[in-house]
Amino acid sequence: MASYGLVKVIRRDHTDPASAYRWEPKRSFHAVARHNRARRDHRHAPSAFTNHGGS
């Protein structure tokens, strides 16, 4: 079944219906993380247009 989720929720032991669940990141999770990191880094980068006390 297709999903828009960024993680997969699966059982720790697929042969035991009573086993606990765990989650695994999908490839899309890592793509979103890279995108958000790039946006964060871009926002915190010094700007060439910033006036640092000059005239």
C-alpha atoms as a PDB file:
ATOM      1  CA  MET A   1       0.000   0.000   0.000  1.00  0.00           C
ATOM      2  CA  ALA A   2       1.401   3.403  -0.946  1.00  0.00           C
ATOM      3  CA  SER A   3       1.666   6.115   1.656  1.00  0.00           C
ATOM      4  CA  TYR A   4       2.681   9.749   1.958  1.00  0.00           C
ATOM      5  CA  GLY A   5       4.372   8.955   5.293  1.00  0.00           C
ATOM      6  CA  LEU A   6       8.065   9.636   5.743  1.00  0.00           C
ATOM      7  CA  VAL A   7       8.614   6.565   7.908  1.00  0.00           C
ATOM      8  CA  LYS A   8       7.600   2.902   7.786  1.00  0.00           C
ATOM      9  CA  VAL A   9       6.091   1.381  10.921  1.00  0.00           C
ATOM     10  CA  ILE A  10       6.903  -2.323  11.059  1.00  0.00           C
ATOM     11  CA  ARG A  11       7.046  -5.099  13.639  1.00  0.00           C
ATOM     12  CA  ARG A  12      10.407  -5.936  15.191  1.00  0.00           C
ATOM     13  CA  ASP A  13       9.759  -9.608  14.405  1.00  0.00           C
ATOM     14  CA  HIS A  14       7.415 -10.102  11.444  1.00  0.00           C
ATOM     15  CA  THR A  15       6.812 -13.741  12.443  1.00  0.00           C
ATOM     16  CA  ASP A  16       5.503 -12.795  15.925  1.00  0.00           C
ATOM     17  CA  PRO A  17       2.194 -10.888  15.893  1.00  0.00           C
ATOM     18  CA  ALA A  18       2.766  -9.851  19.522  1.00  0.00           C
ATOM     19  CA  SER A  19       6.147  -8.225  18.861  1.00  0.00           C
ATOM     20  CA  ALA A  20       6.621  -4.495  19.325  1.00  0.00           C
ATOM     21  CA  TYR A  21       6.601  -2.014  16.463  1.00  0.00           C
ATOM     22  CA  ARG A  22       9.536   0.064  15.276  1.00  0.00           C
ATOM     23  CA  TRP A  23       9.893   2.735  12.644  1.00  0.00           C
ATOM     24  CA  GLU A  24      12.315   3.063   9.750  1.00  0.00           C
ATOM     25  CA  PRO A  25      12.877   6.248   7.790  1.00  0.00           C
ATOM     26  CA  LYS A  26      12.002   6.091   4.088  1.00  0.00           C
ATOM     27  CA  ARG A  27      14.186   7.648   1.386  1.00  0.00           C
ATOM     28  CA  SER A  28      11.782  10.580   1.333  1.00  0.00           C
ATOM     29  CA  PHE A  29      12.534  11.199   5.045  1.00  0.00           C
ATOM     30  CA  HIS A  30      16.200  11.755   4.196  1.00  0.00           C
ATOM     31  CA  ALA A  31      15.317  13.944   1.208  1.00  0.00           C
ATOM     32  CA  VAL A  32      13.117  16.179   3.388  1.00  0.00           C
ATOM     33  CA  ALA A  33      15.846  16.303   6.054  1.00  0.00           C
ATOM     34  CA  ARG A  34      18.444  17.385   3.454  1.00  0.00           C
ATOM     35  CA  HIS A  35      16.073  20.043   2.134  1.00  0.00           C
ATOM     36  CA  ASN A  36      15.372  21.407   5.609  1.00  0.00           C
ATOM     37  CA  ARG A  37      19.091  21.397   6.511  1.00  0.00           C
ATOM     38  CA  ALA A  38      19.915  23.321   3.334  1.00  0.00           C
ATOM     39  CA  ARG A  39      17.203  25.908   4.097  1.00  0.00           C
ATOM     40  CA  ARG A  40      18.416  26.246   7.684  1.00  0.00           C
ATOM     41  CA  ASP A  41      22.043  26.626   6.612  1.00  0.00           C
ATOM     42  CA  HIS A  42      21.099  29.152   3.940  1.00  0.00           C
ATOM     43  CA  ARG A  43      19.139  31.265   6.453  1.00  0.00           C
ATOM     44  CA  HIS A  44      22.062  31.324   8.893  1.00  0.00           C
ATOM     45  CA  ALA A  45      24.752  32.035   6.313  1.00  0.00           C
ATOM     46  CA  PRO A  46      26.217  35.543   6.349  1.00  0.00           C
ATOM     47  CA  SER A  47      24.728  37.712   3.639  1.00  0.00           C
ATOM     48  CA  ALA A  48      26.860  39.651   1.173  1.00  0.00           C
ATOM     49  CA  PHE A  49      24.340  42.476   1.560  1.00  0.00           C
ATOM     50  CA  THR A  50      24.610  42.810   5.341  1.00  0.00           C
ATOM     51  CA  ASN A  51      25.987  46.106   6.583  1.00  0.00           C
ATOM     52  CA  HIS A  52      28.545  45.351   9.282  1.00  0.00           C
ATOM     53  CA  GLY A  53      29.088  48.895  10.527  1.00  0.00           C
ATOM     54  CA  GLY A  54      30.539  50.307   7.320  1.00  0.00           C
ATOM     55  CA  SER A  55      29.326  53.502   5.717  1.00  0.00           C
END
